[in-house]
């Protein structure tokens, strides 16, 4: 009993020890303390230690087995790892060395890049400085010139320099401080010039006044006052003639005219002063006589020299100078109406110089145009074109970008140049004391000359150029159509400038509509001529074998190419006015039909066979098919096909050999072969007389040669009878 009890306790202890061992194996080391304590609290810790040692040995054996099993792989892995470590060390060394070199080389590159950056910055600064200096230098040079002129007492040139400085040069560099100082000084400088000029004039006049007494005293002491006065007037007349004699090159520069006017004004200012400050030395009658002589000589000189001038800007400057000259003398009481009348003559010359200048402008525009519709890819570009030329098309506005205007570049360019010409005409009318109606009339007449003569000639020259193509001619027609529509806007433009309504009595109308219509009609005629020339070039390639007995069953190559050319050409005509395209197409078809008829009947073709005629018939059918296809819209039914009706009836008559019908119905209004002239039929029949030996064209009639020849002779005789009776 006791032994059994002890056995049970041993089993329990062993089980407990096994549990504790499993717990030690599976429990975290932080919680192993309580487990071990339970072992030492019991009395079997010795046995537990034995079991623990046994368990450790078991685990060691398992570990050893596992290590033995995986040992070779482990060794191989360690070997590979060692190799990798060596290679990794080499790689590390290479990376370190490369990084060191890169850092070293990079320092030089960074330094060079920094220097380049500084150099570029300096370069931009230098360029900007040069640009600014180029703007400032003319201002400084002009200011220096002004100072020199004031120093040398050339007051009038100084005023002109001051004016250029104020209105032309200073506004370009107004944001610089030194320019602001100049701007502030301009009124002071102008006043200074005025004061100095007035002081010099007063000194001069005072000198004359002082010396007049001495002169008078001397004259009284020597001979009589009348003798002195006569001498003075005689000498002054001589001086006047010298003053009024212009230099031969006066027309070359404005300064030449200016010097001439200054001398005349100075002469008469002195005479006027003497008139009012002396007693009897000069009188009004003497001065008036002298002025009449001076006025006639001045006007004659201006007429002669201004006629040499071809620069409209110089003519305009001359006009302004003459106005200043006239206004100055008018202040001193001299009548100057003749000068203003002469200005109207110069106005006509100015208009001529403008027309010559704009002839070159239009020529350049037309020569440089590509004669293709203007492409636009954005709303901004679209608005830019519409801003240059009055055009509105709702359908085009709705289309997405990219799209094209119907006209080419020369339309807005020509329109804007017409406006520029009107502005140039207006400049001449300023300060001439003309009424608004007179200005309006002047501008309209000059603009009409520009349109009907200058622009019209330019357009005609382009249209008549030898190398002008159909595409260019089509574009010219489209362009002139739009320019014609814009004439009303030019009318409004002139009205807005002059404030003279077009409905006003005697208002000149613009003839632009006529100009553009004439150009368009010329272009249309050139298209018709050009098309016919192209057709003739294709027909020159025709190479018919008039003695052939074979049939290709297809149209000739030259004619197929010709029809393809016509189709592609008329496809370009889509933007043309309908009547133009229809007329061009009808003209081309008629010319083609006439040329084919001439080809068939020409004298060089002495003989032909039925086979050749049938081949020719295939070509005519190709032409008829083209006419039926409607290459240009707008034709009614078979209208275009009727261009080939003469050929069709003639060929049907011969190919079907339907002489009985032709001879029986000839002369009747509903005759089947109404368009076949008996002379034409006889000519063609004569060409077919002697060909029966070489072919079999009259198979149904060739019982023998005599019967066939007799048949042709009979038909020919009847045709001659018809011709004879018709002529009689």
Foldseek 3Di string as FASTA:
>chain_A
DVVVVVVVVVVVVVVLLVVLVVCVVPPDPVPNVVSVVVLVVDDCVVVSVVVVVVVVVVVVVVVVVVCVVCVVVVVVVVVVVVVVVVVVVVVVVVVVVVVVVCVVVVVVVVVVVVVVVVVVVVVVVVVVVVVVCVLCVVLVVLVVVLVVCVVVLVLVVSVVSLVCSQPPRLVVVVPDPVSVVVVVCSVVSNVVSVVVVVVVVVVVLVVCLVVVVVLQVVCVVPDDVVVVLVVVLVVLLVVLVVLLDQDPCLLVDVVSVVSSLVSNLVSLVSVLSCQVRDPPSDHPVSSLVSVVVSLVSNLVVCVVSLLVDLALVRLLVVLVSLLVSQVSVVVSPHDCVVSLVSLVVSLVVSLVSLLVVVLVVLLVLVVPWPLAFAWDADPVVVVVLCVLAVDDDPVQVPDHPGDTDLATPSLSVVVVVLVVSLVSSLSSPPSSPDALQVSQQSSQVSSQCSQQPRNLVSLLCQLPDPPDDLSNLLNLLVSLVRSLVCQVVVQVVSCVVSVDDCVDPPRDGHPNNVSSVVSNVSSLVSLLVNLLVVLVVLVVPDDFPQLDQDAPPAADPSLVVNLVVVLVSLVSNPSPPQVSSVVSLLSNLLSNLVVLLCVLLPPVLQAGALRSLVNSVNSLVVSLVSQQVCSGPDDDHNPSSVSNLLVVLLSCCVLVVPLVQCLVCPPPPPRPNPSHQLVSSLSNLSNHQPSVVPYCRPVVQPPDNVRVNVVSVVSNVSSVVVVVVVVD
